[in-house]
């Protein structure tokens, strides 16, 4: 059902959700630091609350999506 709702056409075209999310990606240095902590000190990262880990997961997915759409995710202006 949600896939059907995601394909709802506005006017004459279908919105490209992945492309739109890629264009809206903003690099966040706090999230980059969390990703570094996750990679370098997984024990400390595991002691953090679930909200932080979930937020980092969303950020990482958005970053991967933006990179797949050709957006430079290394710049701070993004």
PDB file of N, CA and C in Angstrom:
ATOM      1  N   UNK A   1       0.818  -1.194   0.000  1.00  0.00           N
ATOM      2  CA  UNK A   1       0.000   0.000   0.000  1.00  0.00           C
ATOM      3  C   UNK A   1       0.864   1.261   0.000  1.00  0.00           C
ATOM      4  N   UNK A   2       1.925   1.309   0.835  1.00  0.00           N
ATOM      5  CA  UNK A   2       2.742   2.512   0.885  1.00  0.00           C
ATOM      6  C   UNK A   2       3.492   2.734  -0.425  1.00  0.00           C
ATOM      7  N   UNK A   3       3.862   1.644  -1.111  1.00  0.00           N
ATOM      8  CA  UNK A   3       4.510   1.796  -2.407  1.00  0.00           C
ATOM      9  C   UNK A   3       3.541   2.451  -3.392  1.00  0.00           C
ATOM     10  N   UNK A   4       2.309   2.060  -3.347  1.00  0.00           N
ATOM     11  CA  UNK A   4       1.290   2.661  -4.213  1.00  0.00           C
ATOM     12  C   UNK A   4       1.119   4.134  -3.890  1.00  0.00           C
ATOM     13  N   UNK A   5       1.083   4.471  -2.615  1.00  0.00           N
ATOM     14  CA  UNK A   5       0.937   5.872  -2.225  1.00  0.00           C
ATOM     15  C   UNK A   5       2.169   6.684  -2.614  1.00  0.00           C
ATOM     16  N   UNK A   6       3.349   6.061  -2.598  1.00  0.00           N
ATOM     17  CA  UNK A   6       4.565   6.749  -2.981  1.00  0.00           C
ATOM     18  C   UNK A   6       4.619   7.074  -4.456  1.00  0.00           C
ATOM     19  N   UNK A   7       3.812   6.386  -5.251  1.00  0.00           N
ATOM     20  CA  UNK A   7       3.803   6.610  -6.698  1.00  0.00           C
ATOM     21  C   UNK A   7       2.693   7.552  -7.161  1.00  0.00           C
ATOM     22  N   UNK A   8       2.034   8.192  -6.230  1.00  0.00           N
ATOM     23  CA  UNK A   8       0.963   9.113  -6.584  1.00  0.00           C
ATOM     24  C   UNK A   8       1.525  10.226  -7.450  1.00  0.00           C
ATOM     25  N   UNK A   9       0.871  10.488  -8.544  1.00  0.00           N
ATOM     26  CA  UNK A   9       1.346  11.516  -9.478  1.00  0.00           C
ATOM     27  C   UNK A   9       0.797  12.880  -9.077  1.00  0.00           C
ATOM     28  N   UNK A  10       1.661  13.861  -9.118  1.00  0.00           N
ATOM     29  CA  UNK A  10       1.246  15.246  -8.923  1.00  0.00           C
ATOM     30  C   UNK A  10       1.341  15.918 -10.280  1.00  0.00           C
ATOM     31  N   UNK A  11       0.225  16.393 -10.763  1.00  0.00           N
ATOM     32  CA  UNK A  11       0.090  16.938 -12.097  1.00  0.00           C
ATOM     33  C   UNK A  11       0.379  15.827 -13.099  1.00  0.00           C
ATOM     34  N   UNK A  12       1.434  15.924 -13.891  1.00  0.00           N
ATOM     35  CA  UNK A  12       1.653  14.913 -14.913  1.00  0.00           C
ATOM     36  C   UNK A  12       2.874  14.037 -14.697  1.00  0.00           C
ATOM     37  N   UNK A  13       3.614  14.242 -13.623  1.00  0.00           N
ATOM     38  CA  UNK A  13       4.815  13.442 -13.462  1.00  0.00           C
ATOM     39  C   UNK A  13       4.869  12.797 -12.082  1.00  0.00           C
ATOM     40  N   UNK A  14       5.702  11.770 -11.958  1.00  0.00           N
ATOM     41  CA  UNK A  14       5.889  11.097 -10.692  1.00  0.00           C
ATOM     42  C   UNK A  14       7.102  11.719  -9.995  1.00  0.00           C
ATOM     43  N   UNK A  15       6.971  12.022  -8.733  1.00  0.00           N
ATOM     44  CA  UNK A  15       8.110  12.585  -8.033  1.00  0.00           C
ATOM     45  C   UNK A  15       9.196  11.523  -7.836  1.00  0.00           C
ATOM     46  N   UNK A  16      10.421  11.905  -7.989  1.00  0.00           N
ATOM     47  CA  UNK A  16      11.548  11.020  -7.749  1.00  0.00           C
ATOM     48  C   UNK A  16      12.033  11.275  -6.320  1.00  0.00           C
ATOM     49  N   UNK A  17      11.529  10.484  -5.389  1.00  0.00           N
ATOM     50  CA  UNK A  17      11.825  10.716  -3.980  1.00  0.00           C
ATOM     51  C   UNK A  17      13.309  10.609  -3.673  1.00  0.00           C
ATOM     52  N   UNK A  18      13.982   9.619  -4.266  1.00  0.00           N
ATOM     53  CA  UNK A  18      15.405   9.453  -3.986  1.00  0.00           C
ATOM     54  C   UNK A  18      16.210  10.650  -4.476  1.00  0.00           C
ATOM     55  N   UNK A  19      15.899  11.128  -5.647  1.00  0.00           N
ATOM     56  CA  UNK A  19      16.617  12.289  -6.199  1.00  0.00           C
ATOM     57  C   UNK A  19      16.359  13.537  -5.358  1.00  0.00           C
ATOM     58  N   UNK A  20      15.121  13.718  -4.961  1.00  0.00           N
ATOM     59  CA  UNK A  20      14.770  14.882  -4.138  1.00  0.00           C
ATOM     60  C   UNK A  20      15.506  14.826  -2.798  1.00  0.00           C
ATOM     61  N   UNK A  21      15.541  13.655  -2.173  1.00  0.00           N
ATOM     62  CA  UNK A  21      16.245  13.512  -0.898  1.00  0.00           C
ATOM     63  C   UNK A  21      17.742  13.736  -1.078  1.00  0.00           C
ATOM     64  N   UNK A  22      18.276  13.285  -2.220  1.00  0.00           N
ATOM     65  CA  UNK A  22      19.701  13.485  -2.502  1.00  0.00           C
ATOM     66  C   UNK A  22      20.023  14.970  -2.618  1.00  0.00           C
ATOM     67  N   UNK A  23      19.160  15.712  -3.275  1.00  0.00           N
ATOM     68  CA  UNK A  23      19.380  17.143  -3.442  1.00  0.00           C
ATOM     69  C   UNK A  23      19.246  17.902  -2.117  1.00  0.00           C
ATOM     70  N   UNK A  24      18.498  17.350  -1.173  1.00  0.00           N
ATOM     71  CA  UNK A  24      18.289  18.005   0.116  1.00  0.00           C
ATOM     72  C   UNK A  24      19.350  17.632   1.152  1.00  0.00           C
ATOM     73  N   UNK A  25      20.267  16.721   0.792  1.00  0.00           N
ATOM     74  CA  UNK A  25      21.274  16.269   1.745  1.00  0.00           C
ATOM     75  C   UNK A  25      22.159  17.428   2.194  1.00  0.00           C
ATOM     76  N   UNK A  26      22.365  17.537   3.486  1.00  0.00           N
ATOM     77  CA  UNK A  26      23.265  18.532   4.078  1.00  0.00           C
ATOM     78  C   UNK A  26      24.272  17.794   4.953  1.00  0.00           C
ATOM     79  N   UNK A  27      25.540  18.022   4.682  1.00  0.00           N
ATOM     80  CA  UNK A  27      26.598  17.399   5.492  1.00  0.00           C
ATOM     81  C   UNK A  27      26.527  17.950   6.909  1.00  0.00           C
ATOM     82  N   UNK A  28      26.608  17.061   7.880  1.00  0.00           N
ATOM     83  CA  UNK A  28      26.524  17.436   9.291  1.00  0.00           C
ATOM     84  C   UNK A  28      27.779  16.914   9.991  1.00  0.00           C
ATOM     85  N   UNK A  29      28.613  17.823  10.458  1.00  0.00           N
ATOM     86  CA  UNK A  29      29.878  17.426  11.074  1.00  0.00           C
ATOM     87  C   UNK A  29      29.670  16.614  12.349  1.00  0.00           C
ATOM     88  N   UNK A  30      28.592  16.872  13.075  1.00  0.00           N
ATOM     89  CA  UNK A  30      28.323  16.075  14.278  1.00  0.00           C
ATOM     90  C   UNK A  30      28.063  14.624  13.906  1.00  0.00           C
ATOM     91  N   UNK A  31      27.315  14.408  12.817  1.00  0.00           N
ATOM     92  CA  UNK A  31      27.047  13.044  12.361  1.00  0.00           C
ATOM     93  C   UNK A  31      28.316  12.383  11.831  1.00  0.00           C
ATOM     94  N   UNK A  32      29.162  13.172  11.184  1.00  0.00           N
ATOM     95  CA  UNK A  32      30.433  12.638  10.695  1.00  0.00           C
ATOM     96  C   UNK A  32      31.305  12.199  11.867  1.00  0.00           C
ATOM     97  N   UNK A  33      31.283  12.957  12.968  1.00  0.00           N
ATOM     98  CA  UNK A  33      32.038  12.577  14.154  1.00  0.00           C
ATOM     99  C   UNK A  33      31.477  11.302  14.778  1.00  0.00           C
ATOM    100  N   UNK A  34      30.152  11.176  14.791  1.00  0.00           N
ATOM    101  CA  UNK A  34      29.531   9.946  15.299  1.00  0.00           C
ATOM    102  C   UNK A  34      29.910   8.741  14.443  1.00  0.00           C
ATOM    103  N   UNK A  35      29.938   8.931  13.129  1.00  0.00           N
ATOM    104  CA  UNK A  35      30.328   7.839  12.232  1.00  0.00           C
ATOM    105  C   UNK A  35      31.773   7.446  12.499  1.00  0.00           C
ATOM    106  N   UNK A  36      32.621   8.424  12.742  1.00  0.00           N
ATOM    107  CA  UNK A  36      34.016   8.141  13.061  1.00  0.00           C
ATOM    108  C   UNK A  36      34.119   7.382  14.380  1.00  0.00           C
ATOM    109  N   UNK A  37      33.337   7.787  15.371  1.00  0.00           N
ATOM    110  CA  UNK A  37      33.320   7.092  16.659  1.00  0.00           C
ATOM    111  C   UNK A  37      32.841   5.656  16.486  1.00  0.00           C
ATOM    112  N   UNK A  38      31.813   5.472  15.682  1.00  0.00           N
ATOM    113  CA  UNK A  38      31.293   4.127  15.420  1.00  0.00           C
ATOM    114  C   UNK A  38      32.374   3.232  14.829  1.00  0.00           C
ATOM    115  N   UNK A  39      33.183   3.802  13.932  1.00  0.00           N
ATOM    116  CA  UNK A  39      34.208   3.015  13.256  1.00  0.00           C
ATOM    117  C   UNK A  39      35.453   2.802  14.114  1.00  0.00           C
ATOM    118  N   UNK A  40      35.810   3.786  14.946  1.00  0.00           N
ATOM    119  CA  UNK A  40      37.057   3.694  15.704  1.00  0.00           C
ATOM    120  C   UNK A  40      36.868   3.146  17.115  1.00  0.00           C
ATOM    121  N   UNK A  41      35.705   3.370  17.710  1.00  0.00           N
ATOM    122  CA  UNK A  41      35.462   2.927  19.080  1.00  0.00           C
ATOM    123  C   UNK A  41      34.036   2.372  19.190  1.00  0.00           C
ATOM    124  N   UNK A  42      33.800   1.185  18.642  1.00  0.00           N
ATOM    125  CA  UNK A  42      32.439   0.651  18.622  1.00  0.00           C
ATOM    126  C   UNK A  42      31.839   0.409  20.009  1.00  0.00           C
ATOM    127  N   UNK A  43      32.683   0.137  21.021  1.00  0.00           N
ATOM    128  CA  UNK A  43      32.145  -0.077  22.370  1.00  0.00           C
ATOM    129  C   UNK A  43      31.494   1.198  22.913  1.00  0.00           C
ATOM    130  N   UNK A  44      32.164   2.328  22.738  1.00  0.00           N
ATOM    131  CA  UNK A  44      31.591   3.598  23.197  1.00  0.00           C
ATOM    132  C   UNK A  44      30.332   3.928  22.405  1.00  0.00           C
ATOM    133  N   UNK A  45      30.359   3.655  21.113  1.00  0.00           N
ATOM    134  CA  UNK A  45      29.184   3.938  20.284  1.00  0.00           C
ATOM    135  C   UNK A  45      28.000   3.072  20.710  1.00  0.00           C
ATOM    136  N   UNK A  46      28.252   1.814  21.039  1.00  0.00           N
ATOM    137  CA  UNK A  46      27.172   0.915  21.454  1.00  0.00           C
ATOM    138  C   UNK A  46      26.526   1.340  22.762  1.00  0.00           C
ATOM    139  N   UNK A  47      27.248   2.086  23.589  1.00  0.00           N
ATOM    140  CA  UNK A  47      26.682   2.559  24.857  1.00  0.00           C
ATOM    141  C   UNK A  47      25.795   3.789  24.672  1.00  0.00           C
ATOM    142  N   UNK A  48      25.801   4.382  23.498  1.00  0.00           N
ATOM    143  CA  UNK A  48      24.950   5.548  23.235  1.00  0.00           C
ATOM    144  C   UNK A  48      23.499   5.092  23.089  1.00  0.00           C
ATOM    145  N   UNK A  49      22.596   6.021  23.246  1.00  0.00           N
ATOM    146  CA  UNK A  49      21.186   5.707  23.169  1.00  0.00           C
ATOM    147  C   UNK A  49      20.740   5.326  21.762  1.00  0.00           C
ATOM    148  N   UNK A  50      19.608   4.652  21.681  1.00  0.00           N
ATOM    149  CA  UNK A  50      19.114   4.210  20.371  1.00  0.00           C
ATOM    150  C   UNK A  50      18.764   5.358  19.436  1.00  0.00           C
ATOM    151  N   UNK A  51      18.353   6.480  19.967  1.00  0.00           N
ATOM    152  CA  UNK A  51      17.994   7.619  19.114  1.00  0.00           C
ATOM    153  C   UNK A  51      19.202   8.105  18.325  1.00  0.00           C
ATOM    154  N   UNK A  52      20.350   8.141  18.968  1.00  0.00           N
ATOM    155  CA  UNK A  52      21.583   8.577  18.298  1.00  0.00           C
ATOM    156  C   UNK A  52      21.945   7.586  17.194  1.00  0.00           C
ATOM    157  N   UNK A  53      21.866   6.301  17.490  1.00  0.00           N
ATOM    158  CA  UNK A  53      22.231   5.286  16.499  1.00  0.00           C
ATOM    159  C   UNK A  53      21.259   5.282  15.327  1.00  0.00           C
ATOM    160  N   UNK A  54      19.988   5.469  15.602  1.00  0.00           N
ATOM    161  CA  UNK A  54      18.984   5.526  14.527  1.00  0.00           C
ATOM    162  C   UNK A  54      19.212   6.767  13.668  1.00  0.00           C
ATOM    163  N   UNK A  55      19.475   7.899  14.310  1.00  0.00           N
ATOM    164  CA  UNK A  55      19.732   9.133  13.563  1.00  0.00           C
ATOM    165  C   UNK A  55      20.935   8.983  12.646  1.00  0.00           C
ATOM    166  N   UNK A  56      21.985   8.345  13.150  1.00  0.00           N
ATOM    167  CA  UNK A  56      23.167   8.125  12.326  1.00  0.00           C
ATOM    168  C   UNK A  56      22.844   7.199  11.158  1.00  0.00           C
ATOM    169  N   UNK A  57      21.998   6.215  11.385  1.00  0.00           N
ATOM    170  CA  UNK A  57      21.592   5.324  10.299  1.00  0.00           C
ATOM    171  C   UNK A  57      20.857   6.071   9.195  1.00  0.00           C
ATOM    172  N   UNK A  58      19.936   6.940   9.567  1.00  0.00           N
ATOM    173  CA  UNK A  58      19.234   7.749   8.568  1.00  0.00           C
ATOM    174  C   UNK A  58      20.203   8.654   7.814  1.00  0.00           C
ATOM    175  N   UNK A  59      21.108   9.274   8.550  1.00  0.00           N
ATOM    176  CA  UNK A  59      22.087  10.167   7.935  1.00  0.00           C
ATOM    177  C   UNK A  59      22.964   9.390   6.948  1.00  0.00           C
ATOM    178  N   UNK A  60      23.435   8.220   7.362  1.00  0.00           N
ATOM    179  CA  UNK A  60      24.296   7.412   6.491  1.00  0.00           C
ATOM    180  C   UNK A  60      23.548   6.980   5.229  1.00  0.00           C
ATOM    181  N   UNK A  61      22.277   6.626   5.364  1.00  0.00           N
ATOM    182  CA  UNK A  61      21.482   6.258   4.183  1.00  0.00           C
ATOM    183  C   UNK A  61      21.291   7.439   3.247  1.00  0.00           C
ATOM    184  N   UNK A  62      21.021   8.605   3.807  1.00  0.00           N
ATOM    185  CA  UNK A  62      20.860   9.803   2.976  1.00  0.00           C
ATOM    186  C   UNK A  62      22.167  10.171   2.284  1.00  0.00           C
ATOM    187  N   UNK A  63      23.283  10.015   2.991  1.00  0.00           N
ATOM    188  CA  UNK A  63      24.587  10.322   2.412  1.00  0.00           C
ATOM    189  C   UNK A  63      24.898   9.365   1.260  1.00  0.00           C
ATOM    190  N   UNK A  64      24.610   8.082   1.447  1.00  0.00           N
ATOM    191  CA  UNK A  64      24.850   7.099   0.389  1.00  0.00           C
ATOM    192  C   UNK A  64      23.958   7.377  -0.819  1.00  0.00           C
ATOM    193  N   UNK A  65      22.720   7.748  -0.580  1.00  0.00           N
ATOM    194  CA  UNK A  65      21.789   8.084  -1.655  1.00  0.00           C
ATOM    195  C   UNK A  65      22.265   9.315  -2.425  1.00  0.00           C
ATOM    196  N   UNK A  66      22.739  10.319  -1.700  1.00  0.00           N
ATOM    197  CA  UNK A  66      23.233  11.534  -2.358  1.00  0.00           C
ATOM    198  C   UNK A  66      24.455  11.221  -3.213  1.00  0.00           C
ATOM    199  N   UNK A  67      25.358  10.411  -2.691  1.00  0.00           N
ATOM    200  CA  UNK A  67      26.550  10.039  -3.462  1.00  0.00           C
ATOM    201  C   UNK A  67      26.164   9.253  -4.712  1.00  0.00           C
ATOM    202  N   UNK A  68      25.153   8.403  -4.602  1.00  0.00           N
ATOM    203  CA  UNK A  68      24.697   7.623  -5.755  1.00  0.00           C
ATOM    204  C   UNK A  68      24.090   8.502  -6.838  1.00  0.00           C
ATOM    205  N   UNK A  69      23.578   9.660  -6.446  1.00  0.00           N
ATOM    206  CA  UNK A  69      22.991  10.592  -7.404  1.00  0.00           C
ATOM    207  C   UNK A  69      23.990  11.661  -7.862  1.00  0.00           C
ATOM    208  N   UNK A  70      25.268  11.459  -7.558  1.00  0.00           N
ATOM    209  CA  UNK A  70      26.299  12.358  -8.056  1.00  0.00           C
ATOM    210  C   UNK A  70      26.505  13.622  -7.245  1.00  0.00           C
ATOM    211  N   UNK A  71      25.970  13.683  -6.051  1.00  0.00           N
ATOM    212  CA  UNK A  71      26.138  14.858  -5.189  1.00  0.00           C
ATOM    213  C   UNK A  71      27.446  14.687  -4.406  1.00  0.00           C
ATOM    214  N   UNK A  72      28.248  15.730  -4.339  1.00  0.00           N
ATOM    215  CA  UNK A  72      29.495  15.678  -3.591  1.00  0.00           C
ATOM    216  C   UNK A  72      29.180  15.766  -2.105  1.00  0.00           C
ATOM    217  N   UNK A  73      29.366  14.659  -1.386  1.00  0.00           N
ATOM    218  CA  UNK A  73      29.022  14.609   0.031  1.00  0.00           C
ATOM    219  C   UNK A  73      30.206  14.963   0.926  1.00  0.00           C
ATOM    220  N   UNK A  74      31.337  15.332   0.322  1.00  0.00           N
ATOM    221  CA  UNK A  74      32.511  15.674   1.120  1.00  0.00           C
ATOM    222  C   UNK A  74      32.582  17.149   1.449  1.00  0.00           C
ATOM    223  N   UNK A  75      31.833  17.970   0.765  1.00  0.00           N
ATOM    224  CA  UNK A  75      31.856  19.416   0.994  1.00  0.00           C
ATOM    225  C   UNK A  75      30.986  19.778   2.188  1.00  0.00           C
ATOM    226  N   UNK A  76      31.442  20.750   2.949  1.00  0.00           N
ATOM    227  CA  UNK A  76      30.663  21.207   4.092  1.00  0.00           C
ATOM    228  C   UNK A  76      29.455  22.030   3.665  1.00  0.00           C
ATOM    229  N   UNK A  77      29.474  22.571   2.459  1.00  0.00           N
ATOM    230  CA  UNK A  77      28.346  23.387   2.009  1.00  0.00           C
ATOM    231  C   UNK A  77      27.143  22.538   1.655  1.00  0.00           C
ATOM    232  N   UNK A  78      27.315  21.244   1.503  1.00  0.00           N
ATOM    233  CA  UNK A  78      26.181  20.344   1.198  1.00  0.00           C
ATOM    234  C   UNK A  78      25.472  19.926   2.435  1.00  0.00           C
TER     235      UNK A  78
END
